[in-house]
Amino acid sequence: MSTDFDEAAFKAVEREGYSRVAETYADKTANVTGQANETILNSVDAKAGTHLLDVACGPGLLSALALKRGAIVNALDYSPTMVALARRLCPAAQTWEGDAENLPFEDDHFDAVACNLGILHFANPERAVTEAFRVLKDGGRYAFTCWTAPSVNPFMGLILGSIQAHGTLDVDLPEGPPLFRFSDAAECRNVLKKAGFSEIDVTEAPLIWPFAIAEELVHELPTSTARLGPLLEAQTQEARGKIEQAITDGAKAFATESVIKIPSAILIASGLKT
């Protein structure tokens, strides 16, 4: 798929953004997305002795779990602050600052490659998938994950629906690839097949976003993701107030006796290099 946007500008915003929010991302968002880490590692058959590459490793939760399984772990992220966090959490892993679209590893090097919710942050996802294929040994498995579409993802539907209803998504931020391109299982299969993978599988994994109170959600959003903060800041004061109220009201619908639990989900797409 060709791009008609400034890849360098998009990558710069992603790198700066995730460096800015790394600590708060690690405290909240990574713990939510990490709920699928066991399933992701199972999809690449990660076990004792598996030489695993964790691409877009963030603060290193997937790497840490792989190490507990006895895997030999290399971790890579584009954000230097995320790399520092991963090194602190996973001193037994070899952690690199680098680009998923130009991996600093030789061909046929790893038994497994995993990428949890990194693909939507890559300027050229096809290039990243092809790079994963290149560094895998024959018989190695690759898996990436992506958000399901807002129409079937209550958390994403609440956030983006509130912005669309009371503000605008058309703000002065560098354009990138479609955020939910890979929420289509057929698109996941297509990009894996084109890269050379076989035995392709796409499954859905549920996630839960927990919040003590509804207001906690609107306070955490701007400081735990790279683009939502600038997106909210770009709204008018009146629009932002309405957006935050809509998010707060919507979150209350998911209240339990003790905590708010908003459902979400990702797709896990995997393939075999033969």
C-alpha atoms as a PDB file:
ATOM      1  CA  MET A   1       0.000   0.000   0.000  1.00  0.00           C
ATOM      2  CA  SER A   2       1.533   3.315  -1.077  1.00  0.00           C
ATOM      3  CA  THR A   3       1.752   6.274   1.291  1.00  0.00           C
ATOM      4  CA  ASP A   4       0.897   9.867   0.464  1.00  0.00           C
ATOM      5  CA  PHE A   5       2.004  11.370   3.775  1.00  0.00           C
ATOM      6  CA  ASP A   6       5.300  12.531   5.231  1.00  0.00           C
ATOM      7  CA  GLU A   7       6.744   9.371   6.765  1.00  0.00           C
ATOM      8  CA  ALA A   8       9.593  11.219   8.485  1.00  0.00           C
ATOM      9  CA  ALA A   9       7.215  13.683  10.151  1.00  0.00           C
ATOM     10  CA  PHE A  10       4.933  10.876  11.321  1.00  0.00           C
ATOM     11  CA  LYS A  11       7.854   8.902  12.762  1.00  0.00           C
ATOM     12  CA  ALA A  12       9.228  11.975  14.527  1.00  0.00           C
ATOM     13  CA  VAL A  13       5.895  12.640  16.252  1.00  0.00           C
ATOM     14  CA  GLU A  14       5.606   9.004  17.307  1.00  0.00           C
ATOM     15  CA  ARG A  15       9.137   8.951  18.689  1.00  0.00           C
ATOM     16  CA  GLU A  16       8.803  12.243  20.536  1.00  0.00           C
ATOM     17  CA  GLY A  17       5.327  11.419  21.767  1.00  0.00           C
ATOM     18  CA  TYR A  18       6.159   8.046  23.258  1.00  0.00           C
ATOM     19  CA  SER A  19       9.356   9.409  24.772  1.00  0.00           C
ATOM     20  CA  ARG A  20       7.243  12.118  26.440  1.00  0.00           C
ATOM     21  CA  VAL A  21       4.625   9.767  27.896  1.00  0.00           C
ATOM     22  CA  ALA A  22       6.808   6.717  28.534  1.00  0.00           C
ATOM     23  CA  GLU A  23       6.498   6.656  32.321  1.00  0.00           C
ATOM     24  CA  THR A  24       2.715   7.089  32.417  1.00  0.00           C
ATOM     25  CA  TYR A  25       2.279   4.734  29.462  1.00  0.00           C
ATOM     26  CA  ALA A  26       4.202   2.107  31.411  1.00  0.00           C
ATOM     27  CA  ASP A  27       2.015   2.607  34.480  1.00  0.00           C
ATOM     28  CA  LYS A  28      -1.347   2.275  32.704  1.00  0.00           C
ATOM     29  CA  THR A  29      -1.570   1.478  29.011  1.00  0.00           C
ATOM     30  CA  ALA A  30       1.176  -1.147  28.925  1.00  0.00           C
ATOM     31  CA  ASN A  31      -0.489  -3.057  31.740  1.00  0.00           C
ATOM     32  CA  VAL A  32      -3.713  -3.179  29.724  1.00  0.00           C
ATOM     33  CA  THR A  33      -2.120  -4.196  26.435  1.00  0.00           C
ATOM     34  CA  GLY A  34       0.078  -6.628  28.352  1.00  0.00           C
ATOM     35  CA  GLN A  35      -3.010  -8.664  29.255  1.00  0.00           C
ATOM     36  CA  ALA A  36      -2.515 -10.403  25.909  1.00  0.00           C
ATOM     37  CA  ASN A  37       1.207 -11.096  26.288  1.00  0.00           C
ATOM     38  CA  GLU A  38       0.793 -14.759  27.267  1.00  0.00           C
ATOM     39  CA  THR A  39      -1.358 -15.382  24.201  1.00  0.00           C
ATOM     40  CA  ILE A  40       1.084 -13.534  21.953  1.00  0.00           C
ATOM     41  CA  LEU A  41       4.021 -15.568  23.234  1.00  0.00           C
ATOM     42  CA  ASN A  42       2.020 -18.764  22.748  1.00  0.00           C
ATOM     43  CA  SER A  43       1.328 -17.741  19.144  1.00  0.00           C
ATOM     44  CA  VAL A  44       5.085 -17.619  18.410  1.00  0.00           C
ATOM     45  CA  ASP A  45       5.790 -20.747  20.490  1.00  0.00           C
ATOM     46  CA  ALA A  46       8.104 -18.886  22.862  1.00  0.00           C
ATOM     47  CA  LYS A  47       9.672 -21.242  25.391  1.00  0.00           C
ATOM     48  CA  ALA A  48      12.977 -22.006  27.088  1.00  0.00           C
ATOM     49  CA  GLY A  49      15.818 -21.420  24.642  1.00  0.00           C
ATOM     50  CA  THR A  50      13.718 -19.549  22.052  1.00  0.00           C
ATOM     51  CA  HIS A  51      15.694 -16.625  20.612  1.00  0.00           C
ATOM     52  CA  LEU A  52      12.969 -13.950  20.593  1.00  0.00           C
ATOM     53  CA  LEU A  53      12.885 -10.409  19.230  1.00  0.00           C
ATOM     54  CA  ASP A  54      10.349  -8.073  20.870  1.00  0.00           C
ATOM     55  CA  VAL A  55       9.723  -5.250  18.357  1.00  0.00           C
ATOM     56  CA  ALA A  56       8.277  -1.965  19.681  1.00  0.00           C
ATOM     57  CA  CYS A  57       8.903  -3.369  23.140  1.00  0.00           C
ATOM     58  CA  GLY A  58       7.777  -0.263  25.048  1.00  0.00           C
ATOM     59  CA  PRO A  59       8.619  -0.634  28.738  1.00  0.00           C
ATOM     60  CA  GLY A  60       9.351  -4.330  28.245  1.00  0.00           C
ATOM     61  CA  LEU A  61       6.429  -6.270  29.723  1.00  0.00           C
ATOM     62  CA  LEU A  62       6.325  -8.842  26.931  1.00  0.00           C
ATOM     63  CA  SER A  63      10.110  -9.207  27.104  1.00  0.00           C
ATOM     64  CA  ALA A  64       9.946  -9.761  30.865  1.00  0.00           C
ATOM     65  CA  LEU A  65       7.342 -12.503  30.453  1.00  0.00           C
ATOM     66  CA  ALA A  66       9.391 -14.175  27.703  1.00  0.00           C
ATOM     67  CA  LEU A  67      12.424 -14.157  29.993  1.00  0.00           C
ATOM     68  CA  LYS A  68      10.358 -15.919  32.671  1.00  0.00           C
ATOM     69  CA  ARG A  69       9.689 -18.657  30.110  1.00  0.00           C
ATOM     70  CA  GLY A  70      13.429 -19.060  29.631  1.00  0.00           C
ATOM     71  CA  ALA A  71      13.600 -17.352  26.226  1.00  0.00           C
ATOM     72  CA  ILE A  72      16.686 -15.482  25.063  1.00  0.00           C
ATOM     73  CA  VAL A  73      15.357 -11.971  24.466  1.00  0.00           C
ATOM     74  CA  ASN A  74      16.343  -9.036  22.316  1.00  0.00           C
ATOM     75  CA  ALA A  75      14.056  -6.005  22.616  1.00  0.00           C
ATOM     76  CA  LEU A  76      13.870  -2.962  20.353  1.00  0.00           C
ATOM     77  CA  ASP A  77      12.008   0.339  20.452  1.00  0.00           C
ATOM     78  CA  TYR A  78      12.165   3.617  18.533  1.00  0.00           C
ATOM     79  CA  SER A  79      11.776   5.733  21.687  1.00  0.00           C
ATOM     80  CA  PRO A  80      14.949   6.171  23.765  1.00  0.00           C
ATOM     81  CA  THR A  81      12.906   6.666  26.921  1.00  0.00           C
ATOM     82  CA  MET A  82      11.040   3.408  26.357  1.00  0.00           C
ATOM     83  CA  VAL A  83      14.370   1.673  25.785  1.00  0.00           C
ATOM     84  CA  ALA A  84      15.627   2.990  29.119  1.00  0.00           C
ATOM     85  CA  LEU A  85      12.504   1.683  30.878  1.00  0.00           C
ATOM     86  CA  ALA A  86      12.828  -1.729  29.220  1.00  0.00           C
ATOM     87  CA  ARG A  87      16.478  -1.979  30.228  1.00  0.00           C
ATOM     88  CA  ARG A  88      15.501  -1.254  33.818  1.00  0.00           C
ATOM     89  CA  LEU A  89      12.705  -3.837  33.830  1.00  0.00           C
ATOM     90  CA  CYS A  90      14.556  -6.489  31.786  1.00  0.00           C
ATOM     91  CA  PRO A  91      18.286  -6.304  32.511  1.00  0.00           C
ATOM     92  CA  ALA A  92      18.656  -9.878  31.245  1.00  0.00           C
ATOM     93  CA  ALA A  93      17.459  -8.865  27.761  1.00  0.00           C
ATOM     94  CA  GLN A  94      19.604  -7.150  25.169  1.00  0.00           C
ATOM     95  CA  THR A  95      17.705  -3.949  24.447  1.00  0.00           C
ATOM     96  CA  TRP A  96      18.235  -1.723  21.441  1.00  0.00           C
ATOM     97  CA  GLU A  97      17.089   1.675  20.240  1.00  0.00           C
ATOM     98  CA  GLY A  98      16.127   1.103  16.642  1.00  0.00           C
ATOM     99  CA  ASP A  99      13.621   1.180  13.813  1.00  0.00           C
ATOM    100  CA  ALA A 100      11.240  -1.713  13.135  1.00  0.00           C
ATOM    101  CA  GLU A 101      11.422  -0.854   9.445  1.00  0.00           C
ATOM    102  CA  ASN A 102      15.215  -1.269   9.380  1.00  0.00           C
ATOM    103  CA  LEU A 103      16.123  -3.876  11.991  1.00  0.00           C
ATOM    104  CA  PRO A 104      19.799  -3.921  13.046  1.00  0.00           C
ATOM    105  CA  PHE A 105      20.070  -7.705  12.846  1.00  0.00           C
ATOM    106  CA  GLU A 106      21.340 -10.168  10.294  1.00  0.00           C
ATOM    107  CA  ASP A 107      19.138 -12.428   8.201  1.00  0.00           C
ATOM    108  CA  ASP A 108      17.806 -15.701   9.671  1.00  0.00           C
ATOM    109  CA  HIS A 109      18.729 -14.719  13.234  1.00  0.00           C
ATOM    110  CA  PHE A 110      15.689 -15.260  15.506  1.00  0.00           C
ATOM    111  CA  ASP A 111      13.379 -18.157  16.327  1.00  0.00           C
ATOM    112  CA  ALA A 112      10.457 -15.808  16.984  1.00  0.00           C
ATOM    113  CA  VAL A 113       9.486 -12.169  16.518  1.00  0.00           C
ATOM    114  CA  ALA A 114       6.611 -10.504  18.376  1.00  0.00           C
ATOM    115  CA  CYS A 115       5.182  -7.007  18.118  1.00  0.00           C
ATOM    116  CA  ASN A 116       2.376  -5.998  20.461  1.00  0.00           C
ATOM    117  CA  LEU A 117       0.471  -2.965  19.104  1.00  0.00           C
ATOM    118  CA  GLY A 118       3.482  -1.559  17.335  1.00  0.00           C
ATOM    119  CA  ILE A 119       2.249  -1.948  13.768  1.00  0.00           C
ATOM    120  CA  LEU A 120      -0.141   1.022  13.971  1.00  0.00           C
ATOM    121  CA  HIS A 121       2.816   3.236  14.937  1.00  0.00           C
ATOM    122  CA  PHE A 122       4.944   2.334  11.904  1.00  0.00           C
ATOM    123  CA  ALA A 123       5.001   4.663   8.918  1.00  0.00           C
ATOM    124  CA  ASN A 124       5.368   1.670   6.594  1.00  0.00           C
ATOM    125  CA  PRO A 125       3.831  -1.435   8.198  1.00  0.00           C
ATOM    126  CA  GLU A 126       4.626  -3.631   5.187  1.00  0.00           C
ATOM    127  CA  ARG A 127       8.313  -2.820   5.522  1.00  0.00           C
ATOM    128  CA  ALA A 128       8.234  -3.741   9.219  1.00  0.00           C
ATOM    129  CA  VAL A 129       6.550  -7.092   8.497  1.00  0.00           C
ATOM    130  CA  THR A 130       9.065  -7.819   5.740  1.00  0.00           C
ATOM    131  CA  GLU A 131      11.906  -7.008   8.125  1.00  0.00           C
ATOM    132  CA  ALA A 132      10.467  -9.422  10.678  1.00  0.00           C
ATOM    133  CA  PHE A 133      10.386 -12.110   7.996  1.00  0.00           C
ATOM    134  CA  ARG A 134      14.002 -11.353   7.039  1.00  0.00           C
ATOM    135  CA  VAL A 135      15.435 -11.734  10.549  1.00  0.00           C
ATOM    136  CA  LEU A 136      13.478 -14.926  11.300  1.00  0.00           C
ATOM    137  CA  LYS A 137      15.000 -18.349  10.807  1.00  0.00           C
ATOM    138  CA  ASP A 138      13.127 -20.863   8.679  1.00  0.00           C
ATOM    139  CA  GLY A 139      10.489 -22.413  10.923  1.00  0.00           C
ATOM    140  CA  GLY A 140      10.267 -19.264  13.031  1.00  0.00           C
ATOM    141  CA  ARG A 141       6.995 -17.573  13.879  1.00  0.00           C
ATOM    142  CA  TYR A 142       5.975 -13.910  13.843  1.00  0.00           C
ATOM    143  CA  ALA A 143       3.001 -12.229  15.504  1.00  0.00           C
ATOM    144  CA  PHE A 144       1.722  -8.677  15.554  1.00  0.00           C
ATOM    145  CA  THR A 145      -1.356  -7.225  17.206  1.00  0.00           C
ATOM    146  CA  CYS A 146      -3.693  -4.349  16.401  1.00  0.00           C
ATOM    147  CA  TRP A 147      -6.832  -2.801  17.846  1.00  0.00           C
ATOM    148  CA  THR A 148     -10.212  -4.017  16.712  1.00  0.00           C
ATOM    149  CA  ALA A 149     -12.449  -1.391  15.089  1.00  0.00           C
ATOM    150  CA  PRO A 150     -14.303   1.138  17.277  1.00  0.00           C
ATOM    151  CA  SER A 151     -17.627  -0.328  16.151  1.00  0.00           C
ATOM    152  CA  VAL A 152     -16.828  -3.551  18.042  1.00  0.00           C
ATOM    153  CA  ASN A 153     -14.381  -2.112  20.587  1.00  0.00           C
ATOM    154  CA  PRO A 154     -16.216  -0.282  23.397  1.00  0.00           C
ATOM    155  CA  PHE A 155     -13.147   1.526  24.697  1.00  0.00           C
ATOM    156  CA  MET A 156     -12.067   2.848  21.307  1.00  0.00           C
ATOM    157  CA  GLY A 157     -15.663   3.583  20.377  1.00  0.00           C
ATOM    158  CA  LEU A 158     -16.131   5.671  23.522  1.00  0.00           C
ATOM    159  CA  ILE A 159     -12.973   7.747  23.066  1.00  0.00           C
ATOM    160  CA  LEU A 160     -13.113   8.365  19.338  1.00  0.00           C
ATOM    161  CA  GLY A 161     -16.903   8.604  19.262  1.00  0.00           C
ATOM    162  CA  SER A 162     -16.842  11.335  21.908  1.00  0.00           C
ATOM    163  CA  ILE A 163     -14.243  13.304  19.946  1.00  0.00           C
ATOM    164  CA  GLN A 164     -16.160  12.943  16.687  1.00  0.00           C
ATOM    165  CA  ALA A 165     -19.457  13.926  18.337  1.00  0.00           C
ATOM    166  CA  HIS A 166     -18.207  17.052  20.106  1.00  0.00           C
ATOM    167  CA  GLY A 167     -14.918  18.022  18.447  1.00  0.00           C
ATOM    168  CA  THR A 168     -12.847  17.054  15.427  1.00  0.00           C
ATOM    169  CA  LEU A 169     -10.269  14.459  14.435  1.00  0.00           C
ATOM    170  CA  ASP A 170      -8.989  16.839  11.748  1.00  0.00           C
ATOM    171  CA  VAL A 171      -6.223  18.619  13.667  1.00  0.00           C
ATOM    172  CA  ASP A 172      -2.717  19.798  12.847  1.00  0.00           C
ATOM    173  CA  LEU A 173      -0.863  16.538  13.469  1.00  0.00           C
ATOM    174  CA  PRO A 174       1.265  14.715  10.884  1.00  0.00           C
ATOM    175  CA  GLU A 175      -0.835  12.214   9.000  1.00  0.00           C
ATOM    176  CA  GLY A 176       0.003   8.527   9.229  1.00  0.00           C
ATOM    177  CA  PRO A 177      -1.358   5.171   8.081  1.00  0.00           C
ATOM    178  CA  PRO A 178      -5.015   4.424   8.880  1.00  0.00           C
ATOM    179  CA  LEU A 179      -5.205   3.660  12.596  1.00  0.00           C
ATOM    180  CA  PHE A 180      -7.591   0.729  12.183  1.00  0.00           C
ATOM    181  CA  ARG A 181      -6.310  -0.654   8.893  1.00  0.00           C
ATOM    182  CA  PHE A 182      -5.426  -3.965  10.527  1.00  0.00           C
ATOM    183  CA  SER A 183      -8.675  -4.304  12.432  1.00  0.00           C
ATOM    184  CA  ASP A 184      -9.708  -6.210   9.282  1.00  0.00           C
ATOM    185  CA  ALA A 185      -8.522  -9.808   9.633  1.00  0.00           C
ATOM    186  CA  ALA A 186      -8.272 -10.110   5.857  1.00  0.00           C
ATOM    187  CA  GLU A 187      -5.836  -7.189   5.767  1.00  0.00           C
ATOM    188  CA  CYS A 188      -3.707  -8.863   8.446  1.00  0.00           C
ATOM    189  CA  ARG A 189      -3.600 -12.060   6.416  1.00  0.00           C
ATOM    190  CA  ASN A 190      -2.827 -10.144   3.240  1.00  0.00           C
ATOM    191  CA  VAL A 191       0.212  -8.303   4.614  1.00  0.00           C
ATOM    192  CA  LEU A 192       1.588 -11.491   6.179  1.00  0.00           C
ATOM    193  CA  LYS A 193       1.094 -13.480   2.986  1.00  0.00           C
ATOM    194  CA  LYS A 194       2.777 -10.812   0.851  1.00  0.00           C
ATOM    195  CA  ALA A 195       5.795 -10.860   3.168  1.00  0.00           C
ATOM    196  CA  GLY A 196       6.113 -14.615   2.633  1.00  0.00           C
ATOM    197  CA  PHE A 197       4.474 -16.077   5.731  1.00  0.00           C
ATOM    198  CA  SER A 198       2.389 -19.247   5.683  1.00  0.00           C
ATOM    199  CA  GLU A 199       0.127 -20.991   8.229  1.00  0.00           C
ATOM    200  CA  ILE A 200      -1.398 -17.577   8.939  1.00  0.00           C
ATOM    201  CA  ASP A 201      -3.791 -17.258  11.850  1.00  0.00           C
ATOM    202  CA  VAL A 202      -5.784 -14.261  13.110  1.00  0.00           C
ATOM    203  CA  THR A 203      -7.586 -14.449  16.448  1.00  0.00           C
ATOM    204  CA  GLU A 204      -9.193 -11.922  18.795  1.00  0.00           C
ATOM    205  CA  ALA A 205      -8.028 -11.366  22.374  1.00  0.00           C
ATOM    206  CA  PRO A 206     -10.105  -9.411  24.914  1.00  0.00           C
ATOM    207  CA  LEU A 207      -8.653  -6.645  27.081  1.00  0.00           C
ATOM    208  CA  ILE A 208     -10.123  -4.693  29.988  1.00  0.00           C
ATOM    209  CA  TRP A 209      -9.362  -1.058  30.833  1.00  0.00           C
ATOM    210  CA  PRO A 210      -9.843  -0.630  34.620  1.00  0.00           C
ATOM    211  CA  PHE A 211     -10.462   2.736  36.292  1.00  0.00           C
ATOM    212  CA  ALA A 212     -11.217   3.520  39.921  1.00  0.00           C
ATOM    213  CA  ILE A 213     -13.609   6.306  38.876  1.00  0.00           C
ATOM    214  CA  ALA A 214     -14.845   7.554  35.519  1.00  0.00           C
ATOM    215  CA  GLU A 215     -12.990  10.879  35.818  1.00  0.00           C
ATOM    216  CA  GLU A 216      -9.695   8.984  36.023  1.00  0.00           C
ATOM    217  CA  LEU A 217     -10.047   8.071  32.350  1.00  0.00           C
ATOM    218  CA  VAL A 218     -10.041  11.655  31.051  1.00  0.00           C
ATOM    219  CA  HIS A 219      -7.129  12.562  33.327  1.00  0.00           C
ATOM    220  CA  GLU A 220      -4.990   9.634  32.170  1.00  0.00           C
ATOM    221  CA  LEU A 221      -5.699   9.729  28.431  1.00  0.00           C
ATOM    222  CA  PRO A 222      -3.540  12.756  27.545  1.00  0.00           C
ATOM    223  CA  THR A 223      -0.549  11.450  29.488  1.00  0.00           C
ATOM    224  CA  SER A 224      -0.539   7.778  28.532  1.00  0.00           C
ATOM    225  CA  THR A 225      -0.724   7.858  24.735  1.00  0.00           C
ATOM    226  CA  ALA A 226       1.383   9.774  22.227  1.00  0.00           C
ATOM    227  CA  ARG A 227      -1.306  11.207  19.955  1.00  0.00           C
ATOM    228  CA  LEU A 228      -4.466  11.492  22.035  1.00  0.00           C
ATOM    229  CA  GLY A 229      -2.961  14.190  24.231  1.00  0.00           C
ATOM    230  CA  PRO A 230      -2.115  16.503  21.312  1.00  0.00           C
ATOM    231  CA  LEU A 231      -5.454  15.598  19.693  1.00  0.00           C
ATOM    232  CA  LEU A 232      -7.364  16.754  22.782  1.00  0.00           C
ATOM    233  CA  GLU A 233      -5.192  19.836  23.214  1.00  0.00           C
ATOM    234  CA  ALA A 234      -6.026  20.868  19.645  1.00  0.00           C
ATOM    235  CA  GLN A 235      -9.764  21.066  20.416  1.00  0.00           C
ATOM    236  CA  THR A 236     -11.418  24.305  21.404  1.00  0.00           C
ATOM    237  CA  GLN A 237     -11.915  24.748  25.141  1.00  0.00           C
ATOM    238  CA  GLU A 238     -15.655  24.305  24.762  1.00  0.00           C
ATOM    239  CA  ALA A 239     -15.296  21.186  22.626  1.00  0.00           C
ATOM    240  CA  ARG A 240     -12.772  19.622  24.957  1.00  0.00           C
ATOM    241  CA  GLY A 241     -15.069  20.109  27.925  1.00  0.00           C
ATOM    242  CA  LYS A 242     -17.895  18.369  26.074  1.00  0.00           C
ATOM    243  CA  ILE A 243     -15.583  15.556  24.930  1.00  0.00           C
ATOM    244  CA  GLU A 244     -14.319  14.919  28.447  1.00  0.00           C
ATOM    245  CA  GLN A 245     -17.858  14.970  29.836  1.00  0.00           C
ATOM    246  CA  ALA A 246     -19.028  12.521  27.184  1.00  0.00           C
ATOM    247  CA  ILE A 247     -16.123  10.174  27.950  1.00  0.00           C
ATOM    248  CA  THR A 248     -16.789  10.400  31.681  1.00  0.00           C
ATOM    249  CA  ASP A 249     -20.517   9.753  31.254  1.00  0.00           C
ATOM    250  CA  GLY A 250     -19.842   6.878  28.879  1.00  0.00           C
ATOM    251  CA  ALA A 251     -17.346   5.262  31.235  1.00  0.00           C
ATOM    252  CA  LYS A 252     -19.903   5.182  34.031  1.00  0.00           C
ATOM    253  CA  ALA A 253     -21.962   2.728  32.006  1.00  0.00           C
ATOM    254  CA  PHE A 254     -19.231   0.149  32.633  1.00  0.00           C
ATOM    255  CA  ALA A 255     -19.158   0.551  36.411  1.00  0.00           C
ATOM    256  CA  THR A 256     -19.117  -2.549  38.610  1.00  0.00           C
ATOM    257  CA  GLU A 257     -19.444  -2.649  42.376  1.00  0.00           C
ATOM    258  CA  SER A 258     -15.771  -1.869  42.896  1.00  0.00           C
ATOM    259  CA  VAL A 259     -14.261  -0.483  39.681  1.00  0.00           C
ATOM    260  CA  ILE A 260     -15.017   0.650  36.136  1.00  0.00           C
ATOM    261  CA  LYS A 261     -14.101  -1.996  33.555  1.00  0.00           C
ATOM    262  CA  ILE A 262     -14.302  -0.951  29.909  1.00  0.00           C
ATOM    263  CA  PRO A 263     -13.982  -3.825  27.406  1.00  0.00           C
ATOM    264  CA  SER A 264     -11.595  -3.631  24.488  1.00  0.00           C
ATOM    265  CA  ALA A 265      -9.946  -6.127  22.150  1.00  0.00           C
ATOM    266  CA  ILE A 266      -7.043  -6.714  19.818  1.00  0.00           C
ATOM    267  CA  LEU A 267      -6.422  -9.016  16.877  1.00  0.00           C
ATOM    268  CA  ILE A 268      -3.379 -11.281  17.058  1.00  0.00           C
ATOM    269  CA  ALA A 269      -2.066 -12.081  13.581  1.00  0.00           C
ATOM    270  CA  SER A 270       0.659 -14.681  13.236  1.00  0.00           C
ATOM    271  CA  GLY A 271       2.502 -16.555  10.543  1.00  0.00           C
ATOM    272  CA  LEU A 272       5.271 -19.085   9.937  1.00  0.00           C
ATOM    273  CA  LYS A 273       8.434 -18.557   7.900  1.00  0.00           C
ATOM    274  CA  THR A 274       9.072 -21.617   5.753  1.00  0.00           C
END
